[in-house]
N, C-alpha and C. Protein backbone atom coordinates (compact mmCIF):
# COMPACT_ATOMS: atom_id res chain seq x y z
N UNK A 1 77.37 78.67 109.70
CA UNK A 1 78.55 79.02 108.80
C UNK A 1 78.18 80.33 107.69
N UNK A 2 79.04 81.23 107.86
CA UNK A 2 78.93 82.21 106.46
C UNK A 2 79.06 81.78 105.32
N UNK A 3 78.28 82.28 104.37
CA UNK A 3 78.54 81.90 103.08
C UNK A 3 79.72 82.52 102.85
N UNK A 4 80.78 81.76 102.07
CA UNK A 4 82.06 81.92 101.46
C UNK A 4 82.90 81.57 102.33
N UNK A 5 82.75 81.20 103.65
CA UNK A 5 83.51 80.80 104.44
C UNK A 5 83.78 79.27 104.31
N UNK A 6 85.34 78.91 104.52
CA UNK A 6 85.71 77.84 104.24
C UNK A 6 85.80 77.01 105.35
N UNK A 7 85.19 75.50 105.76
CA UNK A 7 85.06 74.88 106.68
C UNK A 7 85.88 73.76 106.65
N UNK A 8 86.87 73.46 107.42
CA UNK A 8 87.93 72.39 107.18
C UNK A 8 87.67 71.44 108.41
N UNK A 9 87.51 70.22 108.10
CA UNK A 9 87.24 69.47 108.89
C UNK A 9 88.39 68.28 108.89
N UNK A 10 88.95 67.81 110.26
CA UNK A 10 90.03 67.05 110.17
C UNK A 10 89.65 65.69 110.66
N UNK A 11 90.55 64.78 109.89
CA UNK A 11 89.96 63.24 110.45
C UNK A 11 91.53 62.63 110.51
N UNK A 12 91.46 61.90 111.36
CA UNK A 12 92.25 60.60 111.62
C UNK A 12 91.89 59.20 111.87
N UNK A 13 92.15 58.58 110.69
CA UNK A 13 92.09 56.98 110.44
C UNK A 13 93.19 56.41 111.26
N UNK A 14 92.48 55.00 111.55
CA UNK A 14 93.82 54.04 112.17
C UNK A 14 94.92 54.31 111.58
N UNK A 15 96.12 53.85 112.19
CA UNK A 15 97.20 53.68 111.23
C UNK A 15 98.31 54.87 111.26
N UNK A 16 99.35 54.61 110.60
CA UNK A 16 99.98 56.00 110.71
C UNK A 16 99.67 57.31 109.70
N UNK A 17 98.61 57.26 109.11
CA UNK A 17 98.39 58.35 108.41
C UNK A 17 98.44 59.87 109.04
N UNK A 18 98.63 60.68 108.54
CA UNK A 18 98.56 62.22 109.21
C UNK A 18 97.03 62.64 109.12
N UNK A 19 96.67 63.39 109.84
CA UNK A 19 95.46 64.22 109.97
C UNK A 19 95.15 64.70 108.64
N UNK A 20 94.05 64.31 108.25
CA UNK A 20 93.51 65.29 106.82
C UNK A 20 92.54 66.48 107.32
N UNK A 21 92.83 67.10 106.15
CA UNK A 21 91.79 68.10 106.31
C UNK A 21 90.76 68.17 104.91
N UNK A 22 89.46 68.09 105.02
CA UNK A 22 88.38 68.12 103.68
C UNK A 22 89.03 69.37 103.59
N UNK A 23 89.37 69.48 102.26
CA UNK A 23 89.72 70.85 101.76
C UNK A 23 89.93 70.58 99.76
N UNK A 24 88.65 71.65 99.32
CA UNK A 24 89.31 71.45 97.94
C UNK A 24 90.35 72.63 97.42
N UNK A 25 91.14 71.96 96.55
CA UNK A 25 92.24 72.57 96.06
C UNK A 25 92.45 72.36 94.74
N UNK A 26 92.95 73.23 93.76
CA UNK A 26 93.25 72.81 92.63
C UNK A 26 94.64 72.40 92.57
N UNK A 27 94.75 71.06 91.48
CA UNK A 27 96.43 70.56 91.93
C UNK A 27 96.34 70.27 90.31
N UNK A 28 97.56 69.97 89.89
CA UNK A 28 98.05 69.60 88.54
C UNK A 28 98.97 68.47 88.66
N UNK A 29 98.31 67.12 88.22
CA UNK A 29 99.22 65.96 88.49
C UNK A 29 99.70 65.55 86.98
N UNK A 30 100.99 65.38 87.05
CA UNK A 30 101.91 65.10 85.57
C UNK A 30 102.59 63.71 85.74
N UNK A 31 102.13 62.95 85.61
CA UNK A 31 102.88 61.49 85.56
C UNK A 31 104.25 61.62 84.76
N UNK A 32 105.39 60.85 85.19
CA UNK A 32 106.55 60.86 84.68
C UNK A 32 106.59 60.35 83.33
N UNK A 33 105.88 59.38 83.05
CA UNK A 33 105.48 58.73 81.70
C UNK A 33 104.90 59.82 80.85
N UNK A 34 105.44 59.87 79.98
CA UNK A 34 104.57 61.10 79.15
C UNK A 34 103.58 60.61 78.00
N UNK A 35 103.71 59.40 78.00
CA UNK A 35 102.18 58.56 77.44
C UNK A 35 101.30 59.09 78.18
N UNK A 36 101.04 59.33 79.44
CA UNK A 36 100.03 59.59 80.45
C UNK A 36 99.82 61.02 80.34
N UNK A 37 98.55 61.25 80.24
CA UNK A 37 98.26 62.99 80.14
C UNK A 37 98.35 63.39 81.39
N UNK A 38 98.64 64.69 81.54
CA UNK A 38 98.62 65.29 82.78
C UNK A 38 96.78 65.97 82.76
N UNK A 39 96.75 66.06 84.25
CA UNK A 39 95.26 66.82 84.68
C UNK A 39 95.35 67.84 85.59
N UNK A 40 94.29 68.57 85.28
CA UNK A 40 94.36 69.47 86.72
C UNK A 40 92.63 69.15 87.20
N UNK A 41 92.99 68.76 88.63
CA UNK A 41 91.64 68.18 89.33
C UNK A 41 91.49 69.16 90.68
N UNK A 42 90.30 68.30 91.32
CA UNK A 42 90.21 69.47 92.76
C UNK A 42 90.45 67.95 93.73
N UNK A 43 91.23 68.81 94.91
CA UNK A 43 91.59 67.37 95.85
C UNK A 43 90.38 67.20 96.71
N UNK A 44 90.27 66.32 97.61
CA UNK A 44 88.92 65.99 98.15
C UNK A 44 89.54 66.23 99.76
N UNK A 45 90.62 65.75 99.96
CA UNK A 45 91.22 66.33 101.09
C UNK A 45 92.69 65.98 101.05
N UNK A 46 93.33 66.95 102.09
CA UNK A 46 94.76 67.01 102.22
C UNK A 46 95.16 66.67 103.56
N UNK A 47 96.70 66.57 103.46
CA UNK A 47 97.44 66.38 104.82
C UNK A 47 98.91 67.05 104.44
N UNK A 48 99.60 67.07 105.44
CA UNK A 48 101.09 67.57 105.11
C UNK A 48 101.76 66.68 104.26
N UNK A 49 101.49 65.52 104.12
CA UNK A 49 102.35 64.58 103.50
C UNK A 49 101.74 64.04 102.20
N UNK A 50 100.66 64.51 101.85
CA UNK A 50 99.76 64.46 100.77
C UNK A 50 98.28 64.76 100.49
N UNK A 51 97.82 64.35 99.57
CA UNK A 51 96.31 64.50 98.82
C UNK A 51 95.69 63.35 98.37
N UNK A 52 94.24 63.62 98.40
CA UNK A 52 93.40 62.46 97.58
C UNK A 52 92.49 63.32 96.57
N UNK A 53 92.27 62.52 95.44
CA UNK A 53 91.52 63.28 94.73
C UNK A 53 90.81 62.36 93.72
N UNK A 54 89.85 62.80 92.91
CA UNK A 54 88.92 61.83 92.20
C UNK A 54 89.25 62.12 90.50
N UNK A 55 89.07 61.23 89.87
CA UNK A 55 89.41 61.50 88.31
C UNK A 55 88.73 60.55 87.64
N UNK A 56 88.46 60.85 86.30
CA UNK A 56 87.77 60.02 85.67
C UNK A 56 88.58 59.12 84.55
N UNK A 57 89.97 59.76 84.75
CA UNK A 57 91.47 59.18 83.94
C UNK A 57 91.75 57.51 84.70
N UNK A 58 91.99 56.62 84.10
CA UNK A 58 92.09 55.33 84.98
C UNK A 58 93.31 54.92 84.44
N UNK A 59 94.69 55.62 84.52
CA UNK A 59 96.06 55.59 84.02
C UNK A 59 96.97 55.19 85.04
N UNK A 60 96.38 55.45 86.29
CA UNK A 60 97.16 56.15 87.40
C UNK A 60 97.33 54.37 88.26
N UNK A 61 98.02 54.36 88.88
CA UNK A 61 98.62 52.92 89.60
C UNK A 61 99.65 52.93 90.78
N UNK A 62 99.41 52.24 92.09
CA UNK A 62 99.91 52.37 92.87
C UNK A 62 101.45 51.87 92.44
N UNK A 63 102.45 53.27 93.11
CA UNK A 63 103.80 53.25 92.91
C UNK A 63 104.26 53.91 91.60
N UNK A 64 103.29 54.70 91.11
CA UNK A 64 103.53 55.45 89.78
C UNK A 64 104.11 56.75 90.34
N UNK A 65 105.35 57.39 89.92
CA UNK A 65 105.65 58.40 90.21
C UNK A 65 105.18 59.52 89.62
N UNK A 66 104.81 60.88 89.98
CA UNK A 66 104.35 61.89 89.45
C UNK A 66 104.83 63.08 89.78
N UNK A 67 104.53 64.10 89.26
CA UNK A 67 105.01 65.45 89.58
C UNK A 67 103.67 66.20 90.11
N UNK A 68 103.64 66.86 90.80
CA UNK A 68 102.41 67.42 91.05
C UNK A 68 102.55 69.13 91.73
N UNK A 69 101.51 69.87 91.40
CA UNK A 69 101.53 71.09 91.74
C UNK A 69 100.37 71.49 92.76
N UNK A 70 100.43 71.92 94.07
CA UNK A 70 99.24 72.17 94.95
C UNK A 70 99.03 73.70 94.56
N UNK A 71 97.67 73.82 94.94
CA UNK A 71 96.97 75.04 94.38
C UNK A 71 97.64 75.72 93.07
N UNK A 72 97.19 74.83 92.08
CA UNK A 72 97.48 75.26 90.75
C UNK A 72 96.66 76.58 90.12
N UNK A 73 97.22 77.18 89.53
CA UNK A 73 96.32 78.35 88.89
C UNK A 73 97.24 78.63 87.72
N UNK A 74 96.77 78.86 86.72
CA UNK A 74 97.51 78.38 85.47
C UNK A 74 97.96 79.97 85.09
N UNK A 75 99.31 80.15 84.75
CA UNK A 75 100.01 81.08 84.48
C UNK A 75 100.72 81.50 85.71
N UNK A 76 100.47 81.39 87.06
CA UNK A 76 101.11 81.92 88.19
C UNK A 76 102.38 81.47 88.64
N UNK A 77 103.04 82.51 88.51
CA UNK A 77 104.66 82.42 88.36
C UNK A 77 104.94 81.76 90.13
N UNK A 78 103.87 81.52 91.21
CA UNK A 78 104.30 81.18 92.49
C UNK A 78 103.89 79.34 92.47
N UNK A 79 103.47 78.97 91.10
CA UNK A 79 103.42 77.36 91.02
C UNK A 79 104.53 76.64 91.50
N UNK A 80 104.50 75.66 92.26
CA UNK A 80 105.53 75.11 92.45
C UNK A 80 105.75 73.38 92.36
N UNK A 81 106.19 73.09 91.51
CA UNK A 81 106.19 71.31 91.26
C UNK A 81 106.75 70.50 92.55
N UNK A 82 106.36 69.64 92.91
CA UNK A 82 106.83 68.57 93.60
C UNK A 82 106.70 67.21 93.23
N UNK A 83 107.49 66.28 93.57
CA UNK A 83 107.80 65.14 93.41
C UNK A 83 107.03 64.30 94.38
N UNK A 84 106.09 63.38 93.92
CA UNK A 84 105.33 62.49 94.45
C UNK A 84 104.89 61.07 94.02
N UNK A 85 104.39 60.47 94.65
CA UNK A 85 104.14 59.00 94.00
C UNK A 85 102.77 58.70 94.84
N UNK A 86 101.91 57.73 93.96
CA UNK A 86 100.75 56.99 94.02
C UNK A 86 100.68 56.00 95.33
N UNK A 87 100.02 55.99 96.00
CA UNK A 87 100.02 55.01 97.11
C UNK A 87 98.85 54.17 97.27
N UNK A 88 97.56 54.91 96.54
CA UNK A 88 96.52 54.28 96.54
C UNK A 88 95.74 54.62 95.61
N UNK A 89 95.30 53.72 94.52
CA UNK A 89 94.04 53.78 93.75
C UNK A 89 92.67 52.77 93.82
N UNK A 90 91.70 53.25 93.88
CA UNK A 90 90.56 52.77 94.23
C UNK A 90 89.25 53.18 93.21
N UNK A 91 89.03 52.02 92.73
CA UNK A 91 87.32 52.43 91.91
C UNK A 91 86.27 52.78 92.57
N UNK A 92 85.79 53.90 92.26
CA UNK A 92 84.42 54.32 92.73
C UNK A 92 83.34 53.92 92.50
N UNK A 93 82.30 54.13 93.13
CA UNK A 93 80.75 53.65 92.56
C UNK A 93 80.48 54.68 91.49
N UNK A 94 81.23 55.75 91.70
CA UNK A 94 80.76 56.93 90.64
C UNK A 94 81.21 56.41 89.12
N UNK A 95 82.09 55.35 88.91
CA UNK A 95 82.68 55.08 87.73
C UNK A 95 83.88 56.03 87.81
N UNK A 96 84.16 56.71 88.63
CA UNK A 96 85.45 57.46 88.74
C UNK A 96 86.71 56.68 89.57
N UNK A 97 87.54 57.08 89.61
CA UNK A 97 89.07 56.44 90.32
C UNK A 97 89.35 57.56 91.46
N UNK A 98 89.36 56.87 92.56
CA UNK A 98 89.93 57.91 93.91
C UNK A 98 91.61 57.58 93.67
N UNK A 99 92.26 58.63 94.03
CA UNK A 99 93.68 58.63 93.84
C UNK A 99 94.26 59.04 95.26
N UNK A 100 95.22 58.26 95.76
CA UNK A 100 95.84 59.12 97.07
C UNK A 100 97.67 59.41 96.38
N UNK A 101 98.07 60.32 96.72
CA UNK A 101 99.32 60.44 96.21
C UNK A 101 100.20 61.06 97.37
N UNK A 102 101.43 61.02 97.76
CA UNK A 102 102.31 60.82 98.87
C UNK A 102 103.31 62.10 98.22
N UNK A 103 103.50 63.00 99.00
CA UNK A 103 104.52 64.20 98.79
C UNK A 103 105.88 63.70 99.09
N UNK A 104 106.89 63.53 98.10
CA UNK A 104 107.89 63.13 98.67
C UNK A 104 108.98 64.14 99.18
N UNK A 105 109.52 63.63 100.20
CA UNK A 105 110.42 64.77 100.79
C UNK A 105 111.76 64.76 100.12
N UNK A 106 112.66 65.51 100.30
CA UNK A 106 114.05 65.23 99.69
C UNK A 106 114.99 64.03 99.80
N UNK A 107 114.51 63.57 101.34
CA UNK A 107 115.07 62.25 101.75
C UNK A 107 114.56 61.19 101.02
N UNK A 108 113.36 61.28 100.31
CA UNK A 108 112.68 60.27 99.74
C UNK A 108 112.64 59.73 98.34
N UNK A 109 113.02 61.19 97.71
CA UNK A 109 112.73 61.32 96.52
C UNK A 109 113.55 60.01 95.44
N UNK A 110 113.09 59.73 94.66
CA UNK A 110 113.66 58.89 93.75
C UNK A 110 114.95 59.87 92.86
N UNK A 111 116.08 58.61 93.40
CA UNK A 111 117.47 59.43 92.37
C UNK A 111 117.35 59.32 90.84
N UNK A 112 116.79 60.29 90.41
CA UNK A 112 117.17 60.31 88.53
C UNK A 112 118.00 60.72 88.16
């Protein structure tokens, strides 16, 4: 592989999960609850329906509604915020948390 070339690895685990690509991408995650801080982090893998990332913040929980911006760059007018929900949170051996977010389509978005 050449230096600077991105390597994308796809995996598909048993079940109804979408194929995942091992891709590092900056994201901004903003919980709807303003008492929880937003953060900018890097994805571990992505799919068409969501992504997985690691965080040192422990305020996420399954079912939590969030707003996310994929491929986030500060001040970029092309940033687009989407609605998502947390589908899985797991404690990692590194003392961090692994968080899986599902992007909600217009037919599955909460009615606020």
